[in-house]
C-alpha cells in the first residue's frame, strides 16, 4: 500500500506494451508517469482521495511519432472536460479536428497530420456503430482504447486532411456518428449482442461506406477491406456469464477487484465475496486523484436484486 497520490490519465492500450497488456496511466506529484496493470488476472485496488477532477495538462505535438506532455502548472480543477481553461487553449491535438477546414496547426502537428491515415467503421457491444480515423502509428491502438467489439478499415488516405473529409462525408450522407458515449458502451456490455449479430451490423455499415466512397469526388485515398483484430483481454466481455453494473460511484471511496477482462476502458470485475461479475467504467477515473493499495469493493448488501 502506498500514500502516493496519482492523477489518473486513463486507460492505455498498446500492441506491444512493456507490461504485456492494458494499463492505467498515472501521473505522480512530481510529473512522472507510471502504470498500473489492468490485464486479466491482475488485482486493482485504489482509493479516491480528492473530490472533483483536476487538469491533466496539455500536449505538444513535436512530430508524426513524438509528443510531449506538459503538466498543468497550477494543478487547477478541470473546467473544460479534463483540462483547465489555460491547458485547453494550449492543447495542440484539438486543432487537428479543423485542419481539413483550413484551421491553423503547429509544425509538429502538421507533420503528424501529413502521415498516412485510416478510415474505419467500429461497432460496439449493443450495436451502436461509428465512423472514425486513426493515424498510421495508432491504427490498432485507437480502436482498442475505444473498446470496439468489431471494426473494419474501409479506406487508406494519404494524410489527415483527406481522411477527415471522408469522415465528414460519411456522417453527412449515411448518418454514421463520429462518437459513442462511454456510458453507452458500458451499459451495452451488460447484455452484448451475439457475436454474429455484431459482425453483421459492422459488415453492413462498412459495405455502405465503401459504396459511398466509390462515388466520392475526393482525391488522395483508396478503399480497403481489412478487419481489425480485437485484443484477447476483451473477449470475455462479449460472451460468458451474466454481468451487472458496478454498484459504486468512482468519484469517492475505496475500491478493489480482480480484472477478468477489459474492453477499452470497461473492466469485467470480480468482487471479493461473490460469484457475480460487474462492468466497471474506468473512464470515470480520468482526471481524479487516487492512491493505490490492497482495497476491496463492498459487495452489494442485497445480492438477490442482482439476479
C-alpha atoms as a PDB file:
ATOM      1  CA  UNK A   1       0.000   0.000   0.000  1.00  0.00           C
ATOM      2  CA  UNK A   2       1.251   3.475  -0.823  1.00  0.00           C
ATOM      3  CA  UNK A   3       0.315   7.012   0.203  1.00  0.00           C
ATOM      4  CA  UNK A   4       1.471   8.468  -3.113  1.00  0.00           C
ATOM      5  CA  UNK A   5      -1.283  10.431  -4.792  1.00  0.00           C
ATOM      6  CA  UNK A   6      -1.618   9.837  -8.512  1.00  0.00           C
ATOM      7  CA  UNK A   7      -3.545  11.806 -11.087  1.00  0.00           C
ATOM      8  CA  UNK A   8      -5.308   9.359 -13.409  1.00  0.00           C
ATOM      9  CA  UNK A   9      -4.772   9.972 -17.138  1.00  0.00           C
ATOM     10  CA  UNK A  10      -6.804   7.000 -18.329  1.00  0.00           C
ATOM     11  CA  UNK A  11      -6.573   3.504 -19.771  1.00  0.00           C
ATOM     12  CA  UNK A  12      -3.862   2.915 -22.370  1.00  0.00           C
ATOM     13  CA  UNK A  13      -3.554   0.064 -24.854  1.00  0.00           C
ATOM     14  CA  UNK A  14      -0.521  -0.843 -26.924  1.00  0.00           C
ATOM     15  CA  UNK A  15       0.036  -3.758 -29.268  1.00  0.00           C
ATOM     16  CA  UNK A  16       3.391  -4.411 -27.551  1.00  0.00           C
ATOM     17  CA  UNK A  17       3.315  -2.790 -24.136  1.00  0.00           C
ATOM     18  CA  UNK A  18       6.148  -3.278 -21.639  1.00  0.00           C
ATOM     19  CA  UNK A  19       3.599  -4.702 -19.226  1.00  0.00           C
ATOM     20  CA  UNK A  20       2.160  -7.034 -21.847  1.00  0.00           C
ATOM     21  CA  UNK A  21      -1.343  -5.564 -21.829  1.00  0.00           C
ATOM     22  CA  UNK A  22      -3.621  -2.654 -20.961  1.00  0.00           C
ATOM     23  CA  UNK A  23      -2.597  -0.255 -18.201  1.00  0.00           C
ATOM     24  CA  UNK A  24      -3.924   2.697 -16.248  1.00  0.00           C
ATOM     25  CA  UNK A  25      -1.618   5.682 -16.805  1.00  0.00           C
ATOM     26  CA  UNK A  26      -0.867   7.573 -13.598  1.00  0.00           C
ATOM     27  CA  UNK A  27       0.962  10.854 -13.015  1.00  0.00           C
ATOM     28  CA  UNK A  28       2.879  11.377  -9.780  1.00  0.00           C
ATOM     29  CA  UNK A  29       3.002  14.738  -7.942  1.00  0.00           C
ATOM     30  CA  UNK A  30       6.471  15.239  -9.492  1.00  0.00           C
ATOM     31  CA  UNK A  31       5.004  14.893 -13.004  1.00  0.00           C
ATOM     32  CA  UNK A  32       6.457  11.446 -13.721  1.00  0.00           C
ATOM     33  CA  UNK A  33       4.308   8.685 -15.222  1.00  0.00           C
ATOM     34  CA  UNK A  34       3.818   5.121 -14.062  1.00  0.00           C
ATOM     35  CA  UNK A  35       1.394   2.339 -14.922  1.00  0.00           C
ATOM     36  CA  UNK A  36      -0.991   0.032 -13.071  1.00  0.00           C
ATOM     37  CA  UNK A  37      -1.603  -3.212 -14.964  1.00  0.00           C
ATOM     38  CA  UNK A  38      -5.192  -3.968 -15.981  1.00  0.00           C
ATOM     39  CA  UNK A  39      -4.503  -7.328 -17.630  1.00  0.00           C
ATOM     40  CA  UNK A  40      -6.897 -10.203 -16.856  1.00  0.00           C
ATOM     41  CA  UNK A  41      -5.952 -11.909 -13.603  1.00  0.00           C
ATOM     42  CA  UNK A  42      -4.469  -8.746 -12.062  1.00  0.00           C
ATOM     43  CA  UNK A  43      -5.915  -7.224  -8.920  1.00  0.00           C
ATOM     44  CA  UNK A  44      -6.582  -3.481  -8.974  1.00  0.00           C
ATOM     45  CA  UNK A  45      -7.166  -1.634  -5.715  1.00  0.00           C
ATOM     46  CA  UNK A  46      -7.429   2.119  -5.192  1.00  0.00           C
ATOM     47  CA  UNK A  47      -8.894   4.892  -3.071  1.00  0.00           C
ATOM     48  CA  UNK A  48     -10.198   8.183  -4.442  1.00  0.00           C
ATOM     49  CA  UNK A  49      -8.559  10.786  -2.207  1.00  0.00           C
ATOM     50  CA  UNK A  50      -9.770  14.139  -3.566  1.00  0.00           C
ATOM     51  CA  UNK A  51     -13.170  15.352  -4.676  1.00  0.00           C
ATOM     52  CA  UNK A  52     -13.617  16.633  -8.185  1.00  0.00           C
ATOM     53  CA  UNK A  53     -11.441  16.397 -11.283  1.00  0.00           C
ATOM     54  CA  UNK A  54      -8.102  18.082 -11.845  1.00  0.00           C
ATOM     55  CA  UNK A  55      -6.432  19.290 -15.026  1.00  0.00           C
ATOM     56  CA  UNK A  56      -4.358  16.723 -16.942  1.00  0.00           C
ATOM     57  CA  UNK A  57      -2.214  19.404 -18.574  1.00  0.00           C
ATOM     58  CA  UNK A  58      -1.733  19.738 -22.307  1.00  0.00           C
ATOM     59  CA  UNK A  59       0.150  18.061 -25.155  1.00  0.00           C
ATOM     60  CA  UNK A  60       2.652  19.477 -27.600  1.00  0.00           C
ATOM     61  CA  UNK A  61       2.968  17.501 -30.849  1.00  0.00           C
ATOM     62  CA  UNK A  62       6.594  17.538 -31.936  1.00  0.00           C
ATOM     63  CA  UNK A  63       6.415  15.238 -34.988  1.00  0.00           C
ATOM     64  CA  UNK A  64       4.484  12.330 -36.507  1.00  0.00           C
ATOM     65  CA  UNK A  65       5.791   9.982 -33.824  1.00  0.00           C
ATOM     66  CA  UNK A  66       6.615  12.267 -30.901  1.00  0.00           C
ATOM     67  CA  UNK A  67       4.501  14.094 -28.335  1.00  0.00           C
ATOM     68  CA  UNK A  68       5.380  15.928 -25.132  1.00  0.00           C
ATOM     69  CA  UNK A  69       3.069  16.095 -22.146  1.00  0.00           C
ATOM     70  CA  UNK A  70       3.160  19.376 -20.212  1.00  0.00           C
ATOM     71  CA  UNK A  71       1.692  19.146 -16.678  1.00  0.00           C
ATOM     72  CA  UNK A  72      -0.701  21.844 -15.533  1.00  0.00           C
ATOM     73  CA  UNK A  73       1.432  24.470 -13.798  1.00  0.00           C
ATOM     74  CA  UNK A  74      -1.234  25.219 -11.205  1.00  0.00           C
ATOM     75  CA  UNK A  75      -2.814  21.754 -10.744  1.00  0.00           C
ATOM     76  CA  UNK A  76      -6.102  23.523 -11.381  1.00  0.00           C
ATOM     77  CA  UNK A  77      -9.568  21.990 -11.271  1.00  0.00           C
ATOM     78  CA  UNK A  78     -10.719  20.649 -14.622  1.00  0.00           C
ATOM     79  CA  UNK A  79     -13.293  23.011 -16.119  1.00  0.00           C
ATOM     80  CA  UNK A  80     -13.145  22.003 -19.821  1.00  0.00           C
ATOM     81  CA  UNK A  81     -13.535  18.237 -19.838  1.00  0.00           C
ATOM     82  CA  UNK A  82     -10.287  17.026 -18.237  1.00  0.00           C
ATOM     83  CA  UNK A  83      -8.431  20.354 -18.512  1.00  0.00           C
ATOM     84  CA  UNK A  84      -8.423  23.832 -17.084  1.00  0.00           C
ATOM     85  CA  UNK A  85      -9.163  26.710 -19.444  1.00  0.00           C
ATOM     86  CA  UNK A  86      -5.476  27.563 -19.982  1.00  0.00           C
ATOM     87  CA  UNK A  87      -4.394  23.998 -20.811  1.00  0.00           C
ATOM     88  CA  UNK A  88      -7.403  23.537 -23.085  1.00  0.00           C
ATOM     89  CA  UNK A  89      -6.302  26.533 -25.153  1.00  0.00           C
ATOM     90  CA  UNK A  90      -2.666  25.321 -25.265  1.00  0.00           C
ATOM     91  CA  UNK A  91      -3.517  21.706 -26.160  1.00  0.00           C
ATOM     92  CA  UNK A  92      -2.327  21.093 -29.725  1.00  0.00           C
ATOM     93  CA  UNK A  93      -4.161  17.836 -30.667  1.00  0.00           C
ATOM     94  CA  UNK A  94      -7.548  19.572 -30.504  1.00  0.00           C
ATOM     95  CA  UNK A  95      -6.517  21.691 -33.504  1.00  0.00           C
ATOM     96  CA  UNK A  96      -6.415  18.648 -35.806  1.00  0.00           C
ATOM     97  CA  UNK A  97     -10.215  18.480 -35.995  1.00  0.00           C
ATOM     98  CA  UNK A  98     -10.348  21.718 -38.006  1.00  0.00           C
ATOM     99  CA  UNK A  99      -7.268  21.081 -40.143  1.00  0.00           C
ATOM    100  CA  UNK A 100      -9.316  19.925 -43.152  1.00  0.00           C
ATOM    101  CA  UNK A 101     -11.378  23.109 -42.944  1.00  0.00           C
ATOM    102  CA  UNK A 102      -8.310  25.324 -43.178  1.00  0.00           C
ATOM    103  CA  UNK A 103      -7.629  25.621 -39.464  1.00  0.00           C
ATOM    104  CA  UNK A 104      -4.130  26.547 -38.258  1.00  0.00           C
ATOM    105  CA  UNK A 105      -1.776  23.900 -36.885  1.00  0.00           C
ATOM    106  CA  UNK A 106       1.712  23.882 -35.379  1.00  0.00           C
ATOM    107  CA  UNK A 107       4.665  22.483 -37.397  1.00  0.00           C
ATOM    108  CA  UNK A 108       4.778  19.313 -35.285  1.00  0.00           C
ATOM    109  CA  UNK A 109       1.059  18.727 -35.633  1.00  0.00           C
ATOM    110  CA  UNK A 110       1.289  19.306 -39.371  1.00  0.00           C
ATOM    111  CA  UNK A 111       3.983  16.605 -39.548  1.00  0.00           C
ATOM    112  CA  UNK A 112       1.655  14.250 -37.666  1.00  0.00           C
ATOM    113  CA  UNK A 113      -1.311  15.043 -39.907  1.00  0.00           C
ATOM    114  CA  UNK A 114       0.630  14.616 -43.142  1.00  0.00           C
ATOM    115  CA  UNK A 115       1.275  10.920 -42.464  1.00  0.00           C
ATOM    116  CA  UNK A 116      -0.950   8.126 -43.770  1.00  0.00           C
ATOM    117  CA  UNK A 117      -4.344   7.838 -42.053  1.00  0.00           C
ATOM    118  CA  UNK A 118      -7.045   5.186 -41.977  1.00  0.00           C
ATOM    119  CA  UNK A 119     -10.834   5.447 -42.008  1.00  0.00           C
ATOM    120  CA  UNK A 120     -12.644   2.776 -40.005  1.00  0.00           C
ATOM    121  CA  UNK A 121     -16.148   1.670 -39.051  1.00  0.00           C
ATOM    122  CA  UNK A 122     -16.474   0.403 -35.465  1.00  0.00           C
ATOM    123  CA  UNK A 123     -19.374  -1.400 -33.795  1.00  0.00           C
ATOM    124  CA  UNK A 124     -19.828  -1.651 -30.025  1.00  0.00           C
ATOM    125  CA  UNK A 125     -21.497  -4.247 -27.800  1.00  0.00           C
ATOM    126  CA  UNK A 126     -25.057  -3.009 -28.224  1.00  0.00           C
ATOM    127  CA  UNK A 127     -24.805  -2.481 -31.973  1.00  0.00           C
ATOM    128  CA  UNK A 128     -24.018   1.255 -31.920  1.00  0.00           C
ATOM    129  CA  UNK A 129     -21.744   1.960 -34.892  1.00  0.00           C
ATOM    130  CA  UNK A 130     -19.477   4.904 -35.677  1.00  0.00           C
ATOM    131  CA  UNK A 131     -17.038   6.121 -38.285  1.00  0.00           C
ATOM    132  CA  UNK A 132     -13.606   7.275 -37.177  1.00  0.00           C
ATOM    133  CA  UNK A 133      -9.995   7.934 -38.147  1.00  0.00           C
ATOM    134  CA  UNK A 134      -6.614   6.684 -36.995  1.00  0.00           C
ATOM    135  CA  UNK A 135      -3.092   7.638 -37.946  1.00  0.00           C
ATOM    136  CA  UNK A 136      -0.598   5.097 -39.217  1.00  0.00           C
ATOM    137  CA  UNK A 137       1.026   4.985 -35.758  1.00  0.00           C
ATOM    138  CA  UNK A 138      -2.283   4.441 -33.898  1.00  0.00           C
ATOM    139  CA  UNK A 139      -4.086   2.226 -36.411  1.00  0.00           C
ATOM    140  CA  UNK A 140      -4.657  -0.670 -33.982  1.00  0.00           C
ATOM    141  CA  UNK A 141      -4.394   1.172 -30.681  1.00  0.00           C
ATOM    142  CA  UNK A 142      -7.145   3.718 -31.294  1.00  0.00           C
ATOM    143  CA  UNK A 143      -9.813   1.046 -31.716  1.00  0.00           C
ATOM    144  CA  UNK A 144      -8.523  -0.902 -28.712  1.00  0.00           C
ATOM    145  CA  UNK A 145      -8.747   2.175 -26.491  1.00  0.00           C
ATOM    146  CA  UNK A 146     -12.244   2.967 -27.757  1.00  0.00           C
ATOM    147  CA  UNK A 147     -13.424  -0.512 -26.830  1.00  0.00           C
ATOM    148  CA  UNK A 148     -14.743  -1.618 -30.220  1.00  0.00           C
ATOM    149  CA  UNK A 149     -16.319  -5.065 -30.397  1.00  0.00           C
ATOM    150  CA  UNK A 150     -15.874  -5.360 -34.169  1.00  0.00           C
ATOM    151  CA  UNK A 151     -14.258  -2.962 -36.639  1.00  0.00           C
ATOM    152  CA  UNK A 152     -13.225  -2.765 -40.274  1.00  0.00           C
ATOM    153  CA  UNK A 153     -10.897  -0.385 -42.053  1.00  0.00           C
ATOM    154  CA  UNK A 154     -12.633   0.993 -45.127  1.00  0.00           C
ATOM    155  CA  UNK A 155     -10.129   3.475 -46.603  1.00  0.00           C
ATOM    156  CA  UNK A 156      -6.465   4.448 -46.520  1.00  0.00           C
ATOM    157  CA  UNK A 157      -5.849   8.178 -47.033  1.00  0.00           C
ATOM    158  CA  UNK A 158      -2.632   9.952 -47.901  1.00  0.00           C
ATOM    159  CA  UNK A 159      -2.941  12.307 -44.920  1.00  0.00           C
ATOM    160  CA  UNK A 160      -5.078  13.534 -42.045  1.00  0.00           C
ATOM    161  CA  UNK A 161      -6.798  16.217 -44.110  1.00  0.00           C
ATOM    162  CA  UNK A 162      -8.181  13.768 -46.674  1.00  0.00           C
ATOM    163  CA  UNK A 163      -9.311  11.222 -44.075  1.00  0.00           C
ATOM    164  CA  UNK A 164     -11.312  13.846 -42.172  1.00  0.00           C
ATOM    165  CA  UNK A 165     -13.006  14.988 -45.352  1.00  0.00           C
ATOM    166  CA  UNK A 166     -14.053  11.363 -45.890  1.00  0.00           C
ATOM    167  CA  UNK A 167     -15.210  11.042 -42.276  1.00  0.00           C
ATOM    168  CA  UNK A 168     -17.452  14.104 -42.564  1.00  0.00           C
ATOM    169  CA  UNK A 169     -18.802  12.826 -45.893  1.00  0.00           C
ATOM    170  CA  UNK A 170     -19.810   9.502 -44.312  1.00  0.00           C
ATOM    171  CA  UNK A 171     -21.554  11.252 -41.428  1.00  0.00           C
ATOM    172  CA  UNK A 172     -23.400  13.652 -43.737  1.00  0.00           C
ATOM    173  CA  UNK A 173     -24.538  11.056 -46.291  1.00  0.00           C
ATOM    174  CA  UNK A 174     -25.009   7.902 -44.201  1.00  0.00           C
ATOM    175  CA  UNK A 175     -25.716   9.365 -40.769  1.00  0.00           C
ATOM    176  CA  UNK A 176     -22.955   7.418 -39.019  1.00  0.00           C
ATOM    177  CA  UNK A 177     -21.966   9.179 -35.816  1.00  0.00           C
ATOM    178  CA  UNK A 178     -18.368  10.066 -35.007  1.00  0.00           C
ATOM    179  CA  UNK A 179     -18.745   9.444 -31.271  1.00  0.00           C
ATOM    180  CA  UNK A 180     -20.328   6.876 -28.940  1.00  0.00           C
ATOM    181  CA  UNK A 181     -20.565   7.914 -25.281  1.00  0.00           C
ATOM    182  CA  UNK A 182     -18.522   5.932 -22.754  1.00  0.00           C
ATOM    183  CA  UNK A 183     -21.618   5.404 -20.587  1.00  0.00           C
ATOM    184  CA  UNK A 184     -23.443   3.841 -23.540  1.00  0.00           C
ATOM    185  CA  UNK A 185     -20.507   1.495 -24.195  1.00  0.00           C
ATOM    186  CA  UNK A 186     -20.524   0.336 -20.563  1.00  0.00           C
ATOM    187  CA  UNK A 187     -24.293  -0.167 -20.482  1.00  0.00           C
ATOM    188  CA  UNK A 188     -24.221  -2.206 -23.683  1.00  0.00           C
ATOM    189  CA  UNK A 189     -21.678  -4.607 -22.167  1.00  0.00           C
ATOM    190  CA  UNK A 190     -24.256  -5.698 -19.583  1.00  0.00           C
ATOM    191  CA  UNK A 191     -26.068  -7.574 -22.347  1.00  0.00           C
ATOM    192  CA  UNK A 192     -23.945  -7.583 -25.523  1.00  0.00           C
ATOM    193  CA  UNK A 193     -25.357  -8.683 -28.859  1.00  0.00           C
ATOM    194  CA  UNK A 194     -24.324 -12.135 -30.117  1.00  0.00           C
ATOM    195  CA  UNK A 195     -21.011 -12.119 -31.970  1.00  0.00           C
ATOM    196  CA  UNK A 196     -22.591 -12.892 -35.352  1.00  0.00           C
ATOM    197  CA  UNK A 197     -25.109 -10.067 -34.971  1.00  0.00           C
ATOM    198  CA  UNK A 198     -22.385  -7.514 -34.117  1.00  0.00           C
ATOM    199  CA  UNK A 199     -20.293  -8.652 -37.065  1.00  0.00           C
ATOM    200  CA  UNK A 200     -23.275  -8.422 -39.416  1.00  0.00           C
ATOM    201  CA  UNK A 201     -24.061  -4.871 -38.285  1.00  0.00           C
ATOM    202  CA  UNK A 202     -20.459  -3.834 -38.811  1.00  0.00           C
ATOM    203  CA  UNK A 203     -20.072  -5.569 -42.175  1.00  0.00           C
ATOM    204  CA  UNK A 204     -23.236  -3.931 -43.495  1.00  0.00           C
ATOM    205  CA  UNK A 205     -22.174  -0.448 -42.359  1.00  0.00           C
ATOM    206  CA  UNK A 206     -18.660  -0.923 -43.755  1.00  0.00           C
ATOM    207  CA  UNK A 207     -20.124  -2.015 -47.098  1.00  0.00           C
ATOM    208  CA  UNK A 208     -22.329   1.070 -47.212  1.00  0.00           C
ATOM    209  CA  UNK A 209     -19.324   3.287 -46.538  1.00  0.00           C
ATOM    210  CA  UNK A 210     -17.208   1.661 -49.241  1.00  0.00           C
ATOM    211  CA  UNK A 211     -20.046   2.065 -51.735  1.00  0.00           C
ATOM    212  CA  UNK A 212     -20.323   5.748 -50.855  1.00  0.00           C
ATOM    213  CA  UNK A 213     -16.570   6.294 -51.149  1.00  0.00           C
ATOM    214  CA  UNK A 214     -16.555   4.647 -54.558  1.00  0.00           C
ATOM    215  CA  UNK A 215     -18.722   7.547 -55.762  1.00  0.00           C
ATOM    216  CA  UNK A 216     -16.854  10.269 -53.844  1.00  0.00           C
ATOM    217  CA  UNK A 217     -15.189  13.079 -55.783  1.00  0.00           C
ATOM    218  CA  UNK A 218     -12.184  13.227 -53.438  1.00  0.00           C
ATOM    219  CA  UNK A 219      -8.545  12.617 -54.324  1.00  0.00           C
ATOM    220  CA  UNK A 220      -5.823  11.064 -52.179  1.00  0.00           C
ATOM    221  CA  UNK A 221      -7.323   7.817 -50.872  1.00  0.00           C
ATOM    222  CA  UNK A 222      -8.126   4.231 -51.754  1.00  0.00           C
ATOM    223  CA  UNK A 223     -10.822   1.946 -50.359  1.00  0.00           C
ATOM    224  CA  UNK A 224      -9.646  -1.117 -48.436  1.00  0.00           C
ATOM    225  CA  UNK A 225     -11.137  -4.258 -46.928  1.00  0.00           C
ATOM    226  CA  UNK A 226      -9.374  -5.162 -43.707  1.00  0.00           C
ATOM    227  CA  UNK A 227     -10.695  -6.374 -40.356  1.00  0.00           C
ATOM    228  CA  UNK A 228      -9.336  -5.039 -37.077  1.00  0.00           C
ATOM    229  CA  UNK A 229      -8.035  -7.652 -34.605  1.00  0.00           C
ATOM    230  CA  UNK A 230      -9.748  -7.224 -31.228  1.00  0.00           C
ATOM    231  CA  UNK A 231      -7.353  -7.692 -28.268  1.00  0.00           C
ATOM    232  CA  UNK A 232      -7.686 -11.008 -26.461  1.00  0.00           C
ATOM    233  CA  UNK A 233      -8.166  -9.406 -22.980  1.00  0.00           C
ATOM    234  CA  UNK A 234     -11.524  -8.058 -24.248  1.00  0.00           C
ATOM    235  CA  UNK A 235     -13.015 -11.321 -25.488  1.00  0.00           C
ATOM    236  CA  UNK A 236     -14.664 -12.464 -22.260  1.00  0.00           C
ATOM    237  CA  UNK A 237     -16.741  -9.277 -22.110  1.00  0.00           C
ATOM    238  CA  UNK A 238     -18.528 -10.381 -25.287  1.00  0.00           C
ATOM    239  CA  UNK A 239     -19.724 -13.737 -24.003  1.00  0.00           C
ATOM    240  CA  UNK A 240     -19.805 -15.935 -20.942  1.00  0.00           C
ATOM    241  CA  UNK A 241     -21.755 -15.471 -17.720  1.00  0.00           C
ATOM    242  CA  UNK A 242     -24.255 -12.675 -16.959  1.00  0.00           C
ATOM    243  CA  UNK A 243     -22.806  -9.488 -15.507  1.00  0.00           C
ATOM    244  CA  UNK A 244     -24.106  -6.445 -13.662  1.00  0.00           C
ATOM    245  CA  UNK A 245     -23.472  -2.730 -13.429  1.00  0.00           C
ATOM    246  CA  UNK A 246     -20.830  -1.854 -10.838  1.00  0.00           C
ATOM    247  CA  UNK A 247     -22.813  -0.607  -7.815  1.00  0.00           C
ATOM    248  CA  UNK A 248     -20.434   2.125  -6.596  1.00  0.00           C
ATOM    249  CA  UNK A 249     -19.612   5.579  -7.959  1.00  0.00           C
ATOM    250  CA  UNK A 250     -15.942   6.094  -8.782  1.00  0.00           C
ATOM    251  CA  UNK A 251     -15.789   9.692  -7.581  1.00  0.00           C
ATOM    252  CA  UNK A 252     -15.143   8.638  -3.974  1.00  0.00           C
ATOM    253  CA  UNK A 253     -14.372   5.738  -1.656  1.00  0.00           C
ATOM    254  CA  UNK A 254     -12.261   2.590  -1.717  1.00  0.00           C
ATOM    255  CA  UNK A 255     -12.443   0.020  -4.493  1.00  0.00           C
ATOM    256  CA  UNK A 256     -10.691  -3.241  -5.262  1.00  0.00           C
ATOM    257  CA  UNK A 257     -11.344  -6.215  -7.521  1.00  0.00           C
ATOM    258  CA  UNK A 258      -9.775  -8.748  -9.847  1.00  0.00           C
ATOM    259  CA  UNK A 259      -9.781  -7.892 -13.537  1.00  0.00           C
ATOM    260  CA  UNK A 260     -11.477 -10.681 -15.513  1.00  0.00           C
ATOM    261  CA  UNK A 261     -11.493  -8.868 -18.874  1.00  0.00           C
ATOM    262  CA  UNK A 262     -11.052  -5.381 -20.303  1.00  0.00           C
ATOM    263  CA  UNK A 263     -12.557  -3.723 -23.382  1.00  0.00           C
ATOM    264  CA  UNK A 264     -11.436  -0.156 -23.942  1.00  0.00           C
ATOM    265  CA  UNK A 265     -11.820   1.407 -20.502  1.00  0.00           C
ATOM    266  CA  UNK A 266     -14.521  -1.028 -19.326  1.00  0.00           C
ATOM    267  CA  UNK A 267     -13.448  -3.802 -16.980  1.00  0.00           C
ATOM    268  CA  UNK A 268     -15.242  -7.017 -16.107  1.00  0.00           C
ATOM    269  CA  UNK A 269     -14.545  -7.234 -12.383  1.00  0.00           C
ATOM    270  CA  UNK A 270     -14.754  -9.993  -9.794  1.00  0.00           C
ATOM    271  CA  UNK A 271     -15.528  -8.683  -6.304  1.00  0.00           C
ATOM    272  CA  UNK A 272     -14.410 -10.483  -3.152  1.00  0.00           C
ATOM    273  CA  UNK A 273     -17.191 -12.486  -1.502  1.00  0.00           C
ATOM    274  CA  UNK A 274     -19.477 -13.016  -4.500  1.00  0.00           C
ATOM    275  CA  UNK A 275     -19.550 -15.022  -7.722  1.00  0.00           C
ATOM    276  CA  UNK A 276     -21.253 -12.143  -9.538  1.00  0.00           C
ATOM    277  CA  UNK A 277     -19.256 -10.138 -12.083  1.00  0.00           C
ATOM    278  CA  UNK A 278     -19.565  -6.407 -12.690  1.00  0.00           C
ATOM    279  CA  UNK A 279     -18.857  -3.979 -15.537  1.00  0.00           C
ATOM    280  CA  UNK A 280     -16.733  -1.083 -14.232  1.00  0.00           C
ATOM    281  CA  UNK A 281     -16.382   2.013 -16.406  1.00  0.00           C
ATOM    282  CA  UNK A 282     -12.818   3.036 -15.557  1.00  0.00           C
ATOM    283  CA  UNK A 283     -13.021   6.100 -17.806  1.00  0.00           C
ATOM    284  CA  UNK A 284     -14.829   7.707 -14.855  1.00  0.00           C
ATOM    285  CA  UNK A 285     -11.485   7.769 -13.020  1.00  0.00           C
ATOM    286  CA  UNK A 286      -9.825  10.067 -15.567  1.00  0.00           C
ATOM    287  CA  UNK A 287      -8.624  13.365 -14.021  1.00  0.00           C
ATOM    288  CA  UNK A 288      -9.299  12.067 -10.488  1.00  0.00           C
ATOM    289  CA  UNK A 289      -6.706  11.656  -7.749  1.00  0.00           C
ATOM    290  CA  UNK A 290      -6.174   8.194  -6.256  1.00  0.00           C
ATOM    291  CA  UNK A 291      -3.814   6.158  -4.126  1.00  0.00           C
ATOM    292  CA  UNK A 292      -3.110   2.502  -4.848  1.00  0.00           C
ATOM    293  CA  UNK A 293      -3.434  -0.241  -2.258  1.00  0.00           C
ATOM    294  CA  UNK A 294      -4.968  -3.511  -1.072  1.00  0.00           C
ATOM    295  CA  UNK A 295      -8.520  -2.206  -1.027  1.00  0.00           C
ATOM    296  CA  UNK A 296     -11.728  -4.162  -1.674  1.00  0.00           C
ATOM    297  CA  UNK A 297     -15.049  -3.050  -3.100  1.00  0.00           C
ATOM    298  CA  UNK A 298     -18.056  -3.528  -0.879  1.00  0.00           C
ATOM    299  CA  UNK A 299     -20.369  -6.253  -2.135  1.00  0.00           C
ATOM    300  CA  UNK A 300     -23.989  -5.058  -2.546  1.00  0.00           C
ATOM    301  CA  UNK A 301     -25.952  -5.770   0.618  1.00  0.00           C
ATOM    302  CA  UNK A 302     -28.916  -7.320  -1.227  1.00  0.00           C
ATOM    303  CA  UNK A 303     -27.353  -9.644  -3.798  1.00  0.00           C
ATOM    304  CA  UNK A 304     -30.725 -11.129  -4.723  1.00  0.00           C
ATOM    305  CA  UNK A 305     -31.575  -7.888  -6.530  1.00  0.00           C
ATOM    306  CA  UNK A 306     -28.761  -8.603  -8.992  1.00  0.00           C
ATOM    307  CA  UNK A 307     -30.427 -11.692 -10.386  1.00  0.00           C
END
